[in-house]
Amino acid sequence: MEQLTCINALASWNSGARRIKGYSADEILGQHFSIFYTPEDVATDKPGHELALAAARGRAEDQGWRLHRDGSRFWAGVTITAVHDPSGALLGLAKVTRDMAERVRLAELEHAIELSA
């Protein structure tokens, strides 16, 4: 896990991330990426395990609760992808988060419709 200690801080930020999570680039760059995880997930080092898995396998995917800037939770689909240089050395990790709240609500609505039919 030593090689991952230098790549767990956020190095870039975009408008989509700002919209989903609520942080400006000035607020979030340089922060540890575990800031988006629930206290329960941080206590079990879920962020570290996901980083290690992505580094080892090239990619890690997960769905679970993540946190907005205001501390509220949202259901997210997360993909972490290892980024390598031409020689194969690990440069860092790219993380994409999708807010899955609408999909979850749609699935719940479809389920309710099926039950009432």
N, C-alpha and C. Protein backbone atom coordinates (compact mmCIF):
# COMPACT_ATOMS: atom_id res chain seq x y z
N MET A 1 0.81 -1.19 0.00
CA MET A 1 0.00 0.00 0.00
C MET A 1 0.86 1.26 0.00
N GLU A 2 2.13 1.14 0.24
CA GLU A 2 3.02 2.31 0.27
C GLU A 2 2.95 3.13 -1.00
N GLN A 3 2.94 2.48 -2.17
CA GLN A 3 2.93 3.24 -3.41
C GLN A 3 1.64 4.03 -3.59
N LEU A 4 0.58 3.69 -2.88
CA LEU A 4 -0.69 4.39 -3.03
C LEU A 4 -0.79 5.63 -2.16
N THR A 5 0.12 5.80 -1.21
CA THR A 5 0.01 6.95 -0.32
C THR A 5 0.14 8.27 -1.06
N CYS A 6 0.83 8.31 -2.17
CA CYS A 6 1.00 9.56 -2.90
C CYS A 6 -0.13 9.80 -3.90
N ILE A 7 -1.02 8.85 -4.12
CA ILE A 7 -2.06 9.05 -5.13
C ILE A 7 -3.46 9.03 -4.53
N ASN A 8 -3.59 9.25 -3.24
CA ASN A 8 -4.91 9.26 -2.65
C ASN A 8 -5.46 10.67 -2.46
N ALA A 9 -4.68 11.69 -2.82
CA ALA A 9 -5.14 13.07 -2.75
C ALA A 9 -5.71 13.48 -4.10
N LEU A 10 -6.77 14.25 -4.07
CA LEU A 10 -7.42 14.70 -5.30
C LEU A 10 -6.54 15.70 -6.03
N ALA A 11 -6.26 15.40 -7.30
CA ALA A 11 -5.36 16.23 -8.10
C ALA A 11 -6.09 16.99 -9.20
N SER A 12 -7.31 16.59 -9.53
CA SER A 12 -8.08 17.32 -10.54
C SER A 12 -9.55 17.28 -10.16
N TRP A 13 -10.33 18.21 -10.73
CA TRP A 13 -11.74 18.36 -10.40
C TRP A 13 -12.44 18.94 -11.60
N ASN A 14 -13.67 18.52 -11.86
CA ASN A 14 -14.39 19.07 -13.01
C ASN A 14 -15.78 19.53 -12.61
N SER A 15 -16.50 20.12 -13.56
CA SER A 15 -17.82 20.68 -13.25
C SER A 15 -18.83 19.60 -12.87
N GLY A 16 -18.70 18.40 -13.45
CA GLY A 16 -19.59 17.32 -13.08
C GLY A 16 -19.39 16.90 -11.63
N ALA A 17 -18.15 16.81 -11.21
CA ALA A 17 -17.85 16.47 -9.82
C ALA A 17 -18.38 17.56 -8.89
N ARG A 18 -18.23 18.80 -9.29
CA ARG A 18 -18.74 19.91 -8.47
C ARG A 18 -20.26 19.81 -8.34
N ARG A 19 -20.93 19.52 -9.44
CA ARG A 19 -22.39 19.43 -9.42
C ARG A 19 -22.87 18.29 -8.52
N ILE A 20 -22.23 17.13 -8.61
CA ILE A 20 -22.65 15.97 -7.82
C ILE A 20 -22.29 16.12 -6.34
N LYS A 21 -21.08 16.58 -6.07
CA LYS A 21 -20.60 16.55 -4.69
C LYS A 21 -20.65 17.88 -3.96
N GLY A 22 -20.70 18.99 -4.71
CA GLY A 22 -20.90 20.28 -4.08
C GLY A 22 -19.65 21.06 -3.71
N TYR A 23 -18.49 20.54 -3.98
CA TYR A 23 -17.23 21.23 -3.67
C TYR A 23 -16.72 22.00 -4.88
N SER A 24 -16.13 23.15 -4.65
CA SER A 24 -15.40 23.84 -5.71
C SER A 24 -14.00 23.22 -5.77
N ALA A 25 -13.30 23.44 -6.87
CA ALA A 25 -11.94 22.91 -7.00
C ALA A 25 -11.04 23.44 -5.90
N ASP A 26 -11.17 24.72 -5.56
CA ASP A 26 -10.33 25.32 -4.51
C ASP A 26 -10.53 24.64 -3.16
N GLU A 27 -11.74 24.20 -2.89
CA GLU A 27 -12.04 23.56 -1.61
C GLU A 27 -11.52 22.13 -1.53
N ILE A 28 -11.49 21.42 -2.65
CA ILE A 28 -11.30 19.98 -2.60
C ILE A 28 -9.93 19.49 -3.05
N LEU A 29 -9.28 20.20 -3.98
CA LEU A 29 -7.99 19.71 -4.47
C LEU A 29 -6.99 19.58 -3.33
N GLY A 30 -6.29 18.45 -3.32
CA GLY A 30 -5.33 18.17 -2.27
C GLY A 30 -5.91 17.39 -1.10
N GLN A 31 -7.24 17.31 -1.01
CA GLN A 31 -7.88 16.56 0.06
C GLN A 31 -7.78 15.06 -0.22
N HIS A 32 -7.82 14.27 0.83
CA HIS A 32 -7.83 12.82 0.67
C HIS A 32 -9.18 12.40 0.10
N PHE A 33 -9.19 11.48 -0.85
CA PHE A 33 -10.44 11.14 -1.51
C PHE A 33 -11.43 10.42 -0.61
N SER A 34 -11.03 9.98 0.56
CA SER A 34 -11.96 9.34 1.49
C SER A 34 -12.98 10.32 2.06
N ILE A 35 -12.80 11.61 1.79
CA ILE A 35 -13.75 12.63 2.24
C ILE A 35 -15.16 12.36 1.72
N PHE A 36 -15.28 11.62 0.63
CA PHE A 36 -16.58 11.34 0.02
C PHE A 36 -17.25 10.10 0.59
N TYR A 37 -16.55 9.36 1.44
CA TYR A 37 -17.06 8.11 1.98
C TYR A 37 -17.69 8.33 3.36
N THR A 38 -18.62 7.46 3.70
CA THR A 38 -19.28 7.55 5.00
C THR A 38 -18.28 7.23 6.11
N PRO A 39 -18.54 7.69 7.33
CA PRO A 39 -17.65 7.33 8.44
C PRO A 39 -17.52 5.82 8.62
N GLU A 40 -18.59 5.08 8.37
CA GLU A 40 -18.55 3.62 8.50
C GLU A 40 -17.57 3.02 7.49
N ASP A 41 -17.59 3.52 6.26
CA ASP A 41 -16.68 3.02 5.23
C ASP A 41 -15.24 3.43 5.51
N VAL A 42 -15.05 4.62 6.03
CA VAL A 42 -13.69 5.06 6.38
C VAL A 42 -13.14 4.20 7.52
N ALA A 43 -13.99 3.85 8.48
CA ALA A 43 -13.55 3.03 9.62
C ALA A 43 -13.08 1.65 9.18
N THR A 44 -13.64 1.12 8.11
CA THR A 44 -13.22 -0.19 7.61
C THR A 44 -12.20 -0.07 6.47
N ASP A 45 -11.73 1.14 6.20
CA ASP A 45 -10.77 1.45 5.14
C ASP A 45 -11.25 1.01 3.76
N LYS A 46 -12.55 1.17 3.52
CA LYS A 46 -13.07 0.87 2.19
C LYS A 46 -12.38 1.70 1.12
N PRO A 47 -12.13 3.00 1.35
CA PRO A 47 -11.43 3.77 0.31
C PRO A 47 -10.06 3.19 -0.04
N GLY A 48 -9.30 2.81 0.96
CA GLY A 48 -7.98 2.23 0.72
C GLY A 48 -8.05 0.90 -0.01
N HIS A 49 -9.03 0.09 0.34
CA HIS A 49 -9.19 -1.20 -0.33
C HIS A 49 -9.56 -1.01 -1.81
N GLU A 50 -10.43 -0.02 -2.08
CA GLU A 50 -10.80 0.24 -3.47
C GLU A 50 -9.61 0.74 -4.28
N LEU A 51 -8.79 1.61 -3.68
CA LEU A 51 -7.58 2.07 -4.37
C LEU A 51 -6.64 0.90 -4.67
N ALA A 52 -6.42 0.06 -3.67
CA ALA A 52 -5.52 -1.08 -3.84
C ALA A 52 -6.04 -2.04 -4.91
N LEU A 53 -7.33 -2.28 -4.91
CA LEU A 53 -7.93 -3.17 -5.90
C LEU A 53 -7.76 -2.60 -7.31
N ALA A 54 -8.04 -1.32 -7.48
CA ALA A 54 -7.89 -0.69 -8.79
C ALA A 54 -6.44 -0.71 -9.25
N ALA A 55 -5.51 -0.46 -8.33
CA ALA A 55 -4.10 -0.47 -8.69
C ALA A 55 -3.65 -1.88 -9.09
N ALA A 56 -4.15 -2.88 -8.39
CA ALA A 56 -3.74 -4.26 -8.66
C ALA A 56 -4.39 -4.84 -9.91
N ARG A 57 -5.67 -4.53 -10.13
CA ARG A 57 -6.42 -5.14 -11.23
C ARG A 57 -6.63 -4.21 -12.42
N GLY A 58 -6.31 -2.94 -12.23
CA GLY A 58 -6.51 -1.97 -13.30
C GLY A 58 -7.81 -1.21 -13.18
N ARG A 59 -8.75 -1.78 -12.41
CA ARG A 59 -10.06 -1.14 -12.30
C ARG A 59 -10.82 -1.72 -11.10
N ALA A 60 -11.59 -0.87 -10.44
CA ALA A 60 -12.47 -1.32 -9.36
C ALA A 60 -13.80 -0.59 -9.50
N GLU A 61 -14.90 -1.32 -9.30
CA GLU A 61 -16.23 -0.74 -9.37
C GLU A 61 -16.98 -1.03 -8.09
N ASP A 62 -17.82 -0.08 -7.68
CA ASP A 62 -18.57 -0.24 -6.45
C ASP A 62 -19.83 0.62 -6.52
N GLN A 63 -20.83 0.21 -5.78
CA GLN A 63 -22.00 1.04 -5.54
C GLN A 63 -22.17 1.15 -4.05
N GLY A 64 -22.51 2.33 -3.59
CA GLY A 64 -22.71 2.52 -2.16
C GLY A 64 -22.98 3.97 -1.83
N TRP A 65 -23.12 4.24 -0.54
CA TRP A 65 -23.38 5.60 -0.08
C TRP A 65 -22.12 6.44 -0.17
N ARG A 66 -22.27 7.64 -0.66
CA ARG A 66 -21.20 8.63 -0.68
C ARG A 66 -21.76 9.93 -0.09
N LEU A 67 -20.89 10.87 0.18
CA LEU A 67 -21.30 12.10 0.85
C LEU A 67 -21.17 13.33 -0.04
N HIS A 68 -22.19 14.18 0.05
CA HIS A 68 -22.12 15.51 -0.55
C HIS A 68 -21.35 16.42 0.41
N ARG A 69 -20.99 17.59 -0.07
CA ARG A 69 -20.29 18.58 0.75
C ARG A 69 -21.04 18.88 2.04
N ASP A 70 -22.37 18.93 1.97
CA ASP A 70 -23.17 19.25 3.16
C ASP A 70 -23.34 18.07 4.11
N GLY A 71 -22.73 16.92 3.79
CA GLY A 71 -22.81 15.74 4.65
C GLY A 71 -23.96 14.81 4.33
N SER A 72 -24.86 15.22 3.45
CA SER A 72 -25.97 14.33 3.08
C SER A 72 -25.44 13.19 2.21
N ARG A 73 -26.13 12.08 2.27
CA ARG A 73 -25.71 10.88 1.55
C ARG A 73 -26.45 10.77 0.22
N PHE A 74 -25.78 10.15 -0.74
CA PHE A 74 -26.42 9.81 -2.01
C PHE A 74 -25.88 8.46 -2.46
N TRP A 75 -26.72 7.70 -3.18
CA TRP A 75 -26.32 6.39 -3.69
C TRP A 75 -25.52 6.61 -4.95
N ALA A 76 -24.32 6.05 -5.01
CA ALA A 76 -23.42 6.31 -6.12
C ALA A 76 -22.89 5.03 -6.74
N GLY A 77 -22.63 5.11 -8.02
CA GLY A 77 -21.88 4.10 -8.73
C GLY A 77 -20.50 4.68 -8.97
N VAL A 78 -19.46 3.98 -8.56
CA VAL A 78 -18.10 4.48 -8.61
C VAL A 78 -17.22 3.54 -9.42
N THR A 79 -16.41 4.11 -10.31
CA THR A 79 -15.41 3.35 -11.04
C THR A 79 -14.06 4.02 -10.83
N ILE A 80 -13.09 3.25 -10.38
CA ILE A 80 -11.73 3.75 -10.20
C ILE A 80 -10.85 2.98 -11.19
N THR A 81 -10.12 3.72 -12.01
CA THR A 81 -9.29 3.12 -13.06
C THR A 81 -7.84 3.52 -12.86
N ALA A 82 -6.94 2.55 -12.93
CA ALA A 82 -5.51 2.83 -12.82
C ALA A 82 -5.02 3.50 -14.10
N VAL A 83 -4.15 4.49 -13.94
CA VAL A 83 -3.54 5.20 -15.08
C VAL A 83 -2.05 4.89 -15.03
N HIS A 84 -1.53 4.36 -16.14
CA HIS A 84 -0.12 3.95 -16.21
C HIS A 84 0.62 4.75 -17.27
N ASP A 85 1.93 4.87 -17.10
CA ASP A 85 2.75 5.48 -18.14
C ASP A 85 3.09 4.41 -19.18
N PRO A 86 3.72 4.78 -20.28
CA PRO A 86 4.02 3.79 -21.34
C PRO A 86 4.82 2.58 -20.87
N SER A 87 5.60 2.75 -19.79
CA SER A 87 6.39 1.63 -19.29
C SER A 87 5.59 0.73 -18.35
N GLY A 88 4.36 1.15 -18.03
CA GLY A 88 3.52 0.36 -17.14
C GLY A 88 3.53 0.81 -15.70
N ALA A 89 4.30 1.84 -15.38
CA ALA A 89 4.35 2.34 -14.00
C ALA A 89 3.04 3.07 -13.67
N LEU A 90 2.56 2.85 -12.47
CA LEU A 90 1.33 3.47 -12.02
C LEU A 90 1.56 4.97 -11.80
N LEU A 91 0.79 5.78 -12.53
CA LEU A 91 0.88 7.24 -12.38
C LEU A 91 -0.14 7.76 -11.38
N GLY A 92 -1.29 7.13 -11.35
CA GLY A 92 -2.37 7.59 -10.48
C GLY A 92 -3.63 6.82 -10.76
N LEU A 93 -4.72 7.31 -10.23
CA LEU A 93 -6.01 6.66 -10.39
C LEU A 93 -7.04 7.71 -10.80
N ALA A 94 -7.90 7.34 -11.72
CA ALA A 94 -9.00 8.21 -12.14
C ALA A 94 -10.28 7.65 -11.55
N LYS A 95 -11.06 8.52 -10.94
CA LYS A 95 -12.29 8.08 -10.28
C LYS A 95 -13.48 8.79 -10.90
N VAL A 96 -14.48 8.02 -11.29
CA VAL A 96 -15.72 8.57 -11.84
C VAL A 96 -16.85 8.15 -10.90
N THR A 97 -17.64 9.14 -10.48
CA THR A 97 -18.78 8.88 -9.60
C THR A 97 -20.06 9.25 -10.33
N ARG A 98 -21.02 8.36 -10.29
CA ARG A 98 -22.33 8.64 -10.88
C ARG A 98 -23.37 8.64 -9.77
N ASP A 99 -24.17 9.68 -9.72
CA ASP A 99 -25.27 9.76 -8.76
C ASP A 99 -26.36 8.82 -9.27
N MET A 100 -26.64 7.77 -8.53
CA MET A 100 -27.59 6.74 -8.96
C MET A 100 -28.97 6.94 -8.35
N ALA A 101 -29.23 8.07 -7.70
CA ALA A 101 -30.49 8.29 -6.99
C ALA A 101 -31.70 8.15 -7.92
N GLU A 102 -31.63 8.74 -9.10
CA GLU A 102 -32.77 8.64 -10.02
C GLU A 102 -33.00 7.21 -10.47
N ARG A 103 -31.95 6.48 -10.71
CA ARG A 103 -32.11 5.08 -11.12
C ARG A 103 -32.72 4.25 -10.00
N VAL A 104 -32.31 4.52 -8.77
CA VAL A 104 -32.86 3.79 -7.63
C VAL A 104 -34.34 4.12 -7.49
N ARG A 105 -34.70 5.40 -7.61
CA ARG A 105 -36.11 5.78 -7.51
C ARG A 105 -36.95 5.15 -8.62
N LEU A 106 -36.41 5.12 -9.82
CA LEU A 106 -37.12 4.50 -10.94
C LEU A 106 -37.34 3.01 -10.69
N ALA A 107 -36.32 2.32 -10.20
CA ALA A 107 -36.46 0.89 -9.90
C ALA A 107 -37.51 0.67 -8.81
N GLU A 108 -37.53 1.54 -7.79
CA GLU A 108 -38.53 1.42 -6.73
C GLU A 108 -39.94 1.64 -7.28
N LEU A 109 -40.08 2.62 -8.17
CA LEU A 109 -41.38 2.89 -8.78
C LEU A 109 -41.84 1.72 -9.64
N GLU A 110 -40.94 1.16 -10.44
CA GLU A 110 -41.27 0.01 -11.26
C GLU A 110 -41.69 -1.19 -10.40
N HIS A 111 -40.99 -1.37 -9.30
CA HIS A 111 -41.32 -2.45 -8.38
C HIS A 111 -42.72 -2.24 -7.78
N ALA A 112 -43.01 -1.01 -7.37
CA ALA A 112 -44.33 -0.70 -6.81
C ALA A 112 -45.43 -0.94 -7.84
N ILE A 113 -45.17 -0.58 -9.08
CA ILE A 113 -46.16 -0.80 -10.14
C ILE A 113 -46.38 -2.29 -10.35
N GLU A 114 -45.32 -3.07 -10.33
CA GLU A 114 -45.44 -4.53 -10.50
C GLU A 114 -46.26 -5.13 -9.36
N LEU A 115 -46.02 -4.66 -8.14
CA LEU A 115 -46.75 -5.20 -6.98
C LEU A 115 -48.24 -4.85 -7.04
N SER A 116 -48.55 -3.67 -7.59
CA SER A 116 -49.95 -3.26 -7.62
C SER A 116 -50.71 -3.87 -8.79
N ALA A 117 -50.00 -4.43 -9.76
CA ALA A 117 -50.67 -5.00 -10.94
C ALA A 117 -51.24 -6.38 -10.67
